[in-house]
Amino acid sequence: MLNIKYIKEELKDQYLADSKPWIIGFSGGKDSTILLQLVWYALKEIPKQQLIKEVHIVANDTLVENPKIASWIDTNLVNIEKSAKRDGLPFVVAKTTPELEDSFWVNLIGKGYPTPNSSFRWCTERLKINPTTKYIKNQVAKKGEVIILLGTRKDESQTRKKSIEKFQIADNRLRRHHELNLAYVYTPIKYLTTNEVWEYLLQAPSPWNGSNRALITIYKNGTGGDCPLVIDKTTSSCGQSRFGCWVCTVVRRDKSMEALIDNGEEHLEPLLDLRDWLLENRGKDEYRLMRLRNGGKGKGPYNISTRVYLLERLLDAQKLSGEKLISSQELKSIQIIWNMDGYNENVYEVYYKVYKNDKDNFIMTKKDIIKQQQKAELNNLCNKMNISADKMFALISSEKDKNMGRKRYNMKRIIKSTIEEEVTSL
């Protein structure tokens, strides 16, 4: 494989050409896997004393990744970090995640954002672009300039081909990042075909004790068909399967999830059912408010009954599948947003409704018990003073929030609005 030998030599030359640290985007798929393997084997051929600049292996976790793929990536990251130390390579392993306020469930169930579609794709920037961009900017701030290595290939599509060529610097391996001025993009495997990718992965063992055979099985199960050995150019490959967020409603069908279920991952079926409900009911008036979140006219976010229903469906899917789908921090943030929006619905009542007496999933801490007692005392005091307990609880929750209410004028607006409502009702 002449292409592979050439790429390894080019990688060694580029690594030694300057002091700019590398950032490799690792998704756990075939392209990022072959890219990392080639970098690994290339750097092992460089004398240890010349391995002076860092290579960052960065995986992005949207927190709504296909659970099968999320588990695969986490396992690989652990093995990569351990094996890099063994081989004395200057690798830094990192995983980026969205900010709490940008997470999918905080926006969907908390704020009531309708699920994304092609014209309102609010998820990509919040879940993927922003976390990775933040990491890159941090490295730029430390080092001045960085080089981002991507596993994109011209063979994938005309769109990818045009994207690679658009910012290419003439007679140079690097191209400028179209948004980050001090970052360059390097695509070492851009000329490899899909067949060459699979052929290499079948022949070259994973240097971090991973399993390329297992990767092939994931692709096979994710396409619902065979993933044959690549023996010549007439043999089709399984390289067209794409895994992504299991909640994605931009596509009409999640064929990869359907195929995984058909191939033995039946426990993921509740996730697919919820995703299909989100797709089918996104635009129905009965689930939406007829005003925007900013108060303007138009079909707005999900109404509170729909948000409660979706939370219950999500927790039910979590319980049935055995997969961790939402964090306690997200549940708390959802409660805060509901309170700030003027709703009295309780997130943890929904939680207890789903899990009932399953203490293995949620155990009330001593702090939670104290809070419950304080809430009861405050409720009694409000009743004695003829003050709305619901409004008082909403104000307290809003004031305590450290994440969703960072701007003080929002807090003042909420207090002013609540007092005016209370005065008007007297």
Protein backbone atom coordinates (compact mmCIF):
# COMPACT_ATOMS: atom_id res chain seq x y z
CA MET A 1 0.00 0.00 0.00
CA LEU A 2 2.06 2.88 -1.36
CA ASN A 3 -0.37 5.51 -0.08
CA ILE A 4 0.10 4.36 3.51
CA LYS A 5 3.90 4.50 3.33
CA TYR A 6 3.76 7.97 1.82
CA ILE A 7 1.35 9.23 4.50
CA LYS A 8 3.58 7.98 7.32
CA GLU A 9 6.62 9.73 5.86
CA GLU A 10 4.65 12.93 5.38
CA LEU A 11 3.39 12.76 8.97
CA LYS A 12 6.93 12.45 10.32
CA ASP A 13 8.11 15.35 8.19
CA GLN A 14 5.21 17.58 9.24
CA TYR A 15 5.61 16.76 12.93
CA LEU A 16 9.27 17.83 12.85
CA ALA A 17 8.62 20.89 10.68
CA ASP A 18 7.51 23.24 13.48
CA SER A 19 6.54 23.52 17.13
CA LYS A 20 2.76 23.77 16.62
CA PRO A 21 0.96 21.14 18.73
CA TRP A 22 -1.42 18.76 16.95
CA ILE A 23 -5.06 18.20 17.74
CA ILE A 24 -6.61 15.01 16.37
CA GLY A 25 -10.37 14.68 16.27
CA PHE A 26 -11.21 11.12 17.34
CA SER A 27 -14.76 9.85 16.81
CA GLY A 28 -14.03 6.13 17.09
CA GLY A 29 -15.05 5.57 13.46
CA LYS A 30 -12.96 4.06 10.69
CA ASP A 31 -11.46 7.34 9.40
CA SER A 32 -10.37 8.76 12.75
CA THR A 33 -9.10 5.32 13.75
CA ILE A 34 -6.85 4.92 10.72
CA LEU A 35 -5.64 8.52 11.12
CA LEU A 36 -4.64 7.96 14.74
CA GLN A 37 -2.99 4.63 13.93
CA LEU A 38 -0.90 6.20 11.18
CA VAL A 39 0.15 9.07 13.47
CA TRP A 40 0.99 6.57 16.21
CA TYR A 41 3.17 4.38 14.00
CA ALA A 42 4.81 7.41 12.36
CA LEU A 43 5.77 9.00 15.68
CA LYS A 44 7.15 5.70 16.98
CA GLU A 45 9.75 5.91 14.19
CA ILE A 46 10.93 9.35 15.40
CA PRO A 47 13.69 9.38 18.04
CA LYS A 48 12.24 9.95 21.51
CA GLN A 49 14.28 13.12 22.09
CA GLN A 50 12.57 14.75 19.09
CA LEU A 51 9.03 14.07 20.34
CA ILE A 52 8.81 17.47 22.00
CA LYS A 53 5.37 18.74 20.99
CA GLU A 54 2.04 17.49 22.24
CA VAL A 55 -0.51 15.58 20.21
CA HIS A 56 -4.01 16.03 21.63
CA ILE A 57 -6.51 13.21 21.02
CA VAL A 58 -9.90 14.91 21.39
CA ALA A 59 -13.25 13.16 21.33
CA ASN A 60 -16.52 15.09 21.45
CA ASP A 61 -19.36 13.65 23.53
CA THR A 62 -22.70 15.32 22.81
CA LEU A 63 -24.19 13.44 25.81
CA VAL A 64 -26.81 12.01 23.44
CA GLU A 65 -24.48 9.75 21.45
CA ASN A 66 -25.62 6.31 20.39
CA PRO A 67 -24.87 4.38 23.63
CA LYS A 68 -23.10 1.60 21.75
CA ILE A 69 -20.73 4.09 20.13
CA ALA A 70 -20.27 6.14 23.32
CA SER A 71 -19.14 3.02 25.17
CA TRP A 72 -16.80 2.10 22.30
CA ILE A 73 -15.18 5.54 22.34
CA ASP A 74 -14.73 5.59 26.12
CA THR A 75 -13.03 2.19 26.06
CA ASN A 76 -10.70 3.33 23.29
CA LEU A 77 -9.78 6.57 25.06
CA VAL A 78 -8.74 4.66 28.19
CA ASN A 79 -6.63 2.26 26.11
CA ILE A 80 -5.09 5.10 24.09
CA GLU A 81 -3.99 6.99 27.19
CA LYS A 82 -2.52 3.88 28.82
CA SER A 83 -0.73 2.65 25.68
CA ALA A 84 0.66 6.11 24.83
CA LYS A 85 2.42 6.19 28.21
CA ARG A 86 3.77 2.71 27.54
CA ASP A 87 5.18 3.79 24.17
CA GLY A 88 6.49 7.13 25.45
CA LEU A 89 4.39 9.18 23.03
CA PRO A 90 3.46 12.83 23.80
CA PHE A 91 -0.30 12.22 23.60
CA VAL A 92 -2.88 14.13 25.64
CA VAL A 93 -6.30 12.44 25.72
CA ALA A 94 -9.36 14.65 26.23
CA LYS A 95 -13.13 14.50 25.85
CA THR A 96 -15.26 17.59 25.30
CA THR A 97 -18.90 17.92 26.34
CA PRO A 98 -21.45 20.73 25.95
CA GLU A 99 -22.00 23.27 28.70
CA LEU A 100 -24.88 22.33 31.00
CA GLU A 101 -27.07 25.12 29.63
CA ASP A 102 -26.40 23.90 26.08
CA SER A 103 -27.20 20.22 26.65
CA PHE A 104 -29.89 18.62 24.53
CA TRP A 105 -32.30 17.78 27.36
CA VAL A 106 -31.96 21.14 29.10
CA ASN A 107 -32.99 22.83 25.86
CA LEU A 108 -35.65 20.32 24.78
CA ILE A 109 -37.33 19.49 28.09
CA GLY A 110 -36.27 22.55 30.08
CA LYS A 111 -36.80 25.38 27.59
CA GLY A 112 -39.17 23.41 25.39
CA TYR A 113 -37.17 23.80 22.18
CA PRO A 114 -38.79 21.68 19.45
CA THR A 115 -36.54 18.96 18.13
CA PRO A 116 -34.08 20.06 15.41
CA ASN A 117 -34.86 19.86 11.72
CA SER A 118 -33.03 21.06 8.61
CA SER A 119 -34.23 24.66 9.07
CA PHE A 120 -33.84 24.85 12.87
CA ARG A 121 -30.72 22.83 13.61
CA TRP A 122 -29.97 24.32 16.99
CA CYS A 123 -28.12 21.23 18.25
CA THR A 124 -24.95 21.16 16.11
CA GLU A 125 -23.40 24.34 17.40
CA ARG A 126 -24.33 23.79 21.03
CA LEU A 127 -23.44 20.10 21.28
CA LYS A 128 -20.52 19.72 18.88
CA ILE A 129 -18.95 22.91 17.56
CA ASN A 130 -18.81 25.02 20.73
CA PRO A 131 -17.18 22.42 23.06
CA THR A 132 -14.48 21.50 20.55
CA THR A 133 -13.86 25.11 19.55
CA LYS A 134 -13.42 26.04 23.20
CA TYR A 135 -10.79 23.31 23.61
CA ILE A 136 -8.94 24.44 20.48
CA LYS A 137 -9.00 28.09 21.58
CA ASN A 138 -7.55 27.10 24.95
CA GLN A 139 -4.64 25.41 23.20
CA VAL A 140 -4.17 28.41 20.88
CA ALA A 141 -4.04 30.66 23.95
CA LYS A 142 -1.29 28.47 25.43
CA LYS A 143 0.77 27.73 22.31
CA GLY A 144 -0.02 30.52 19.83
CA GLU A 145 -0.87 28.25 16.88
CA VAL A 146 -2.15 24.69 16.47
CA ILE A 147 -2.61 22.17 13.68
CA ILE A 148 -5.88 20.21 13.61
CA LEU A 149 -5.65 16.76 12.02
CA LEU A 150 -8.91 15.51 10.53
CA GLY A 151 -9.80 12.16 9.02
CA THR A 152 -11.80 13.65 6.16
CA ARG A 153 -11.37 12.13 2.71
CA LYS A 154 -12.24 13.29 -0.81
CA ASP A 155 -13.59 9.83 -1.51
CA GLU A 156 -16.45 10.36 0.95
CA SER A 157 -18.49 12.87 -1.08
CA GLN A 158 -18.26 15.86 -3.38
CA THR A 159 -19.20 18.10 -0.45
CA ARG A 160 -16.22 16.84 1.57
CA LYS A 161 -13.96 17.21 -1.44
CA LYS A 162 -14.99 20.85 -1.97
CA SER A 163 -14.61 21.58 1.75
CA ILE A 164 -11.06 20.21 1.77
CA GLU A 165 -10.03 22.16 -1.33
CA LYS A 166 -11.70 25.48 -0.46
CA PHE A 167 -9.15 26.68 2.10
CA GLN A 168 -6.13 24.77 0.82
CA ILE A 169 -2.91 26.78 0.79
CA ALA A 170 -1.16 26.39 -2.55
CA ASP A 171 1.76 23.92 -2.49
CA ASN A 172 1.21 23.30 1.20
CA ARG A 173 -0.17 20.42 3.23
CA LEU A 174 -2.01 22.79 5.55
CA ARG A 175 -5.08 24.88 5.02
CA ARG A 176 -6.39 27.70 7.15
CA HIS A 177 -9.25 27.00 9.52
CA HIS A 178 -12.16 29.05 8.17
CA GLU A 179 -13.03 30.47 11.61
CA LEU A 180 -9.99 30.14 13.89
CA ASN A 181 -7.22 32.41 12.60
CA LEU A 182 -4.39 30.74 14.50
CA ALA A 183 -5.42 27.18 13.65
CA TYR A 184 -4.46 25.17 10.59
CA VAL A 185 -6.13 22.04 9.25
CA TYR A 186 -4.18 19.02 8.03
CA THR A 187 -5.93 16.10 6.28
CA PRO A 188 -3.28 13.37 5.84
CA ILE A 189 -5.66 10.66 4.59
CA LYS A 190 -7.64 12.81 2.16
CA TYR A 191 -6.61 10.72 -0.85
CA LEU A 192 -7.33 7.30 0.65
CA THR A 193 -10.32 5.43 -0.70
CA THR A 194 -12.81 3.68 1.56
CA ASN A 195 -11.49 0.32 0.36
CA GLU A 196 -7.94 1.30 1.29
CA VAL A 197 -9.10 2.36 4.76
CA TRP A 198 -10.69 -1.00 5.50
CA GLU A 199 -7.82 -2.91 3.93
CA TYR A 200 -5.31 -1.16 6.20
CA LEU A 201 -7.42 -1.60 9.34
CA LEU A 202 -7.71 -5.32 8.62
CA GLN A 203 -3.95 -5.68 8.19
CA ALA A 204 -2.48 -3.31 10.80
CA PRO A 205 -3.08 -4.12 14.48
CA SER A 206 -4.32 -1.36 16.74
CA PRO A 207 -1.31 0.07 18.64
CA TRP A 208 -3.46 0.84 21.67
CA ASN A 209 -4.75 -2.75 22.01
CA GLY A 210 -8.05 -1.89 20.41
CA SER A 211 -9.87 -4.21 18.04
CA ASN A 212 -10.33 -3.24 14.43
CA ARG A 213 -12.32 -6.44 13.96
CA ALA A 214 -14.74 -5.20 16.61
CA LEU A 215 -14.96 -1.87 14.75
CA ILE A 216 -15.90 -3.74 11.59
CA THR A 217 -18.58 -5.61 13.53
CA ILE A 218 -20.03 -2.30 14.76
CA TYR A 219 -20.25 -1.04 11.20
CA LYS A 220 -21.74 -4.34 10.08
CA ASN A 221 -24.41 -4.30 12.79
CA GLY A 222 -25.06 -0.63 12.17
CA THR A 223 -25.86 -1.15 8.49
CA GLY A 224 -28.06 -4.19 8.87
CA GLY A 225 -25.98 -6.04 6.31
CA ASP A 226 -22.65 -7.69 5.67
CA CYS A 227 -19.35 -5.85 5.95
CA PRO A 228 -17.21 -7.92 3.59
CA LEU A 229 -13.46 -8.13 3.42
CA VAL A 230 -12.15 -5.61 0.90
CA ILE A 231 -10.36 -7.72 -1.66
CA ASP A 232 -10.66 -5.55 -4.77
CA LYS A 233 -12.28 -2.38 -6.06
CA THR A 234 -15.42 -4.20 -7.13
CA THR A 235 -16.17 -5.25 -3.55
CA SER A 236 -18.54 -2.91 -1.75
CA SER A 237 -17.61 -1.85 1.76
CA CYS A 238 -19.60 -1.04 4.87
CA GLY A 239 -18.18 2.45 4.99
CA GLN A 240 -21.39 4.33 4.29
CA SER A 241 -22.88 3.83 7.75
CA ARG A 242 -22.86 6.90 9.99
CA PHE A 243 -23.56 6.86 13.70
CA GLY A 244 -24.60 10.00 15.51
CA CYS A 245 -26.91 11.32 18.21
CA TRP A 246 -29.69 8.84 18.94
CA VAL A 247 -32.15 11.73 19.30
CA CYS A 248 -31.44 13.13 15.81
CA THR A 249 -34.63 14.18 14.00
CA VAL A 250 -32.89 15.93 11.11
CA VAL A 251 -32.94 12.58 9.28
CA ARG A 252 -36.21 10.81 8.63
CA ARG A 253 -35.04 7.41 9.85
CA ASP A 254 -32.22 6.36 12.16
CA LYS A 255 -31.14 3.38 10.08
CA SER A 256 -28.04 2.69 12.18
CA MET A 257 -30.09 2.40 15.40
CA GLU A 258 -32.69 0.26 13.64
CA ALA A 259 -29.95 -2.04 12.37
CA LEU A 260 -28.31 -2.33 15.80
CA ILE A 261 -31.66 -3.36 17.30
CA ASP A 262 -32.21 -5.89 14.51
CA ASN A 263 -28.75 -7.30 15.21
CA GLY A 264 -29.27 -7.99 18.90
CA GLU A 265 -29.28 -4.62 20.71
CA GLU A 266 -32.99 -4.86 21.62
CA HIS A 267 -32.50 -2.89 24.83
CA LEU A 268 -32.10 0.25 22.67
CA GLU A 269 -35.64 -0.01 21.33
CA PRO A 270 -37.15 2.44 23.89
CA LEU A 271 -34.64 5.06 22.66
CA LEU A 272 -35.71 4.58 19.06
CA ASP A 273 -39.40 4.76 20.05
CA LEU A 274 -38.83 8.09 21.83
CA ARG A 275 -36.82 9.47 18.92
CA ASP A 276 -39.58 8.50 16.47
CA TRP A 277 -42.20 10.20 18.68
CA LEU A 278 -40.14 13.39 18.69
CA LEU A 279 -39.94 13.31 14.90
CA GLU A 280 -43.61 12.58 14.27
CA ASN A 281 -45.05 15.06 16.77
CA ARG A 282 -42.63 17.95 16.47
CA GLY A 283 -44.95 20.34 14.65
CA LYS A 284 -48.34 19.48 16.18
CA ASP A 285 -50.10 22.50 17.69
CA GLU A 286 -51.42 20.63 20.72
CA TYR A 287 -47.86 20.12 21.99
CA ARG A 288 -46.67 23.69 21.46
CA LEU A 289 -47.27 27.15 22.94
CA MET A 290 -48.61 29.76 20.55
CA ARG A 291 -45.99 32.28 21.58
CA LEU A 292 -42.21 32.39 21.33
CA ARG A 293 -39.93 32.26 24.36
CA ASN A 294 -39.25 35.99 23.95
CA GLY A 295 -42.98 36.70 24.06
CA GLY A 296 -43.36 37.26 20.34
CA LYS A 297 -46.14 35.81 18.20
CA GLY A 298 -45.72 32.45 16.53
CA LYS A 299 -45.59 28.74 17.22
CA GLY A 300 -43.27 28.53 20.17
CA PRO A 301 -41.73 25.92 22.47
CA TYR A 302 -43.35 22.77 23.80
CA ASN A 303 -45.98 23.50 26.43
CA ILE A 304 -45.31 22.36 29.98
CA SER A 305 -47.50 19.25 29.79
CA THR A 306 -45.48 18.07 26.79
CA ARG A 307 -42.20 18.77 28.56
CA VAL A 308 -43.38 16.73 31.55
CA TYR A 309 -44.49 13.93 29.22
CA LEU A 310 -41.13 13.93 27.43
CA LEU A 311 -39.24 13.80 30.73
CA GLU A 312 -41.34 10.82 31.78
CA ARG A 313 -40.73 9.09 28.44
CA LEU A 314 -36.99 9.77 28.70
CA LEU A 315 -36.72 8.42 32.25
CA ASP A 316 -38.78 5.40 31.25
CA ALA A 317 -36.42 4.75 28.31
CA GLN A 318 -33.48 5.11 30.70
CA LYS A 319 -34.97 2.60 33.12
CA LEU A 320 -35.92 0.05 30.45
CA SER A 321 -32.67 0.28 28.50
CA GLY A 322 -30.29 0.38 31.43
CA GLU A 323 -28.41 3.23 29.73
CA LYS A 324 -27.60 6.53 31.44
CA LEU A 325 -29.51 9.07 29.33
CA ILE A 326 -29.76 12.17 31.53
CA SER A 327 -27.65 13.45 34.43
CA SER A 328 -28.78 14.75 37.81
CA GLN A 329 -27.31 18.16 36.88
CA GLU A 330 -29.55 18.30 33.83
CA LEU A 331 -32.59 17.36 35.93
CA LYS A 332 -31.82 20.20 38.35
CA SER A 333 -31.36 22.67 35.50
CA ILE A 334 -34.68 21.62 33.96
CA GLN A 335 -36.39 22.25 37.29
CA ILE A 336 -34.83 25.70 37.51
CA ILE A 337 -35.98 26.63 34.01
CA TRP A 338 -39.52 25.42 34.70
CA ASN A 339 -39.61 27.57 37.83
CA MET A 340 -38.23 30.57 35.94
CA ASP A 341 -40.88 30.05 33.27
CA GLY A 342 -43.54 30.20 36.01
CA TYR A 343 -44.44 26.51 36.12
CA ASN A 344 -44.98 24.53 39.33
CA GLU A 345 -44.39 21.05 37.93
CA ASN A 346 -41.81 19.06 39.86
CA VAL A 347 -39.04 17.16 38.06
CA TYR A 348 -38.45 14.77 40.94
CA GLU A 349 -42.11 13.86 41.21
CA VAL A 350 -41.82 12.68 37.61
CA TYR A 351 -38.63 10.82 38.54
CA TYR A 352 -40.29 9.03 41.46
CA LYS A 353 -43.30 8.19 39.29
CA VAL A 354 -41.06 6.32 36.86
CA TYR A 355 -38.63 4.71 39.30
CA LYS A 356 -41.09 4.27 42.18
CA ASN A 357 -39.16 2.53 45.00
CA ASP A 358 -36.07 1.72 42.96
CA LYS A 359 -33.54 3.13 45.44
CA ASP A 360 -30.60 1.83 43.42
CA ASN A 361 -31.26 4.56 40.86
CA PHE A 362 -31.97 7.46 43.18
CA ILE A 363 -31.22 7.73 46.88
CA MET A 364 -32.29 10.84 48.77
CA THR A 365 -29.27 12.30 50.52
CA LYS A 366 -29.31 13.94 53.94
CA LYS A 367 -29.11 17.30 52.16
CA ASP A 368 -32.21 16.42 50.10
CA ILE A 369 -34.14 15.45 53.25
CA ILE A 370 -33.28 18.77 54.90
CA LYS A 371 -34.40 20.64 51.80
CA GLN A 372 -37.69 18.75 51.84
CA GLN A 373 -38.25 19.66 55.49
CA GLN A 374 -37.40 23.31 54.82
CA LYS A 375 -39.81 23.37 51.90
CA ALA A 376 -42.62 22.09 54.13
CA GLU A 377 -41.85 24.72 56.76
CA LEU A 378 -41.76 27.49 54.16
CA ASN A 379 -45.06 26.29 52.74
CA ASN A 380 -46.68 26.50 56.18
CA LEU A 381 -45.24 30.00 56.75
CA CYS A 382 -46.53 31.23 53.38
CA ASN A 383 -50.01 29.91 54.17
CA LYS A 384 -49.99 31.79 57.52
CA MET A 385 -48.84 35.02 55.82
CA ASN A 386 -51.32 34.60 52.94
CA ILE A 387 -48.47 34.57 50.39
CA SER A 388 -48.35 32.37 47.30
CA ALA A 389 -46.03 29.47 48.20
CA ASP A 390 -45.61 28.53 44.53
CA LYS A 391 -44.33 31.98 43.60
CA MET A 392 -42.02 32.03 46.62
CA PHE A 393 -40.52 28.65 45.68
CA ALA A 394 -40.04 29.85 42.10
CA LEU A 395 -38.22 32.99 43.29
CA ILE A 396 -35.95 31.03 45.63
CA SER A 397 -35.04 28.53 42.91
CA SER A 398 -34.30 31.34 40.47
CA GLU A 399 -32.12 33.20 42.96
CA LYS A 400 -30.11 30.08 43.87
CA ASP A 401 -29.38 29.21 40.27
CA LYS A 402 -25.73 29.67 39.35
CA ASN A 403 -25.87 28.45 35.76
CA MET A 404 -29.07 29.45 34.01
CA GLY A 405 -29.51 32.88 35.62
CA ARG A 406 -26.03 34.33 35.27
CA LYS A 407 -27.22 37.79 34.22
CA ARG A 408 -28.53 39.78 37.16
CA TYR A 409 -31.01 41.81 35.13
CA ASN A 410 -32.85 38.53 34.44
CA MET A 411 -33.18 37.97 38.19
CA LYS A 412 -34.50 41.49 38.74
CA ARG A 413 -36.98 41.07 35.92
CA ILE A 414 -38.28 37.82 37.43
CA ILE A 415 -38.71 39.35 40.91
CA LYS A 416 -40.43 42.46 39.50
CA SER A 417 -42.81 40.37 37.38
CA THR A 418 -43.68 38.06 40.29
CA ILE A 419 -44.42 40.96 42.66
CA GLU A 420 -46.60 42.71 40.07
CA GLU A 421 -48.58 39.50 39.52
CA GLU A 422 -49.06 39.08 43.27
CA VAL A 423 -50.21 42.71 43.73
CA THR A 424 -52.62 42.45 40.80
CA SER A 425 -54.20 39.31 42.24
CA LEU A 426 -54.93 40.97 45.61
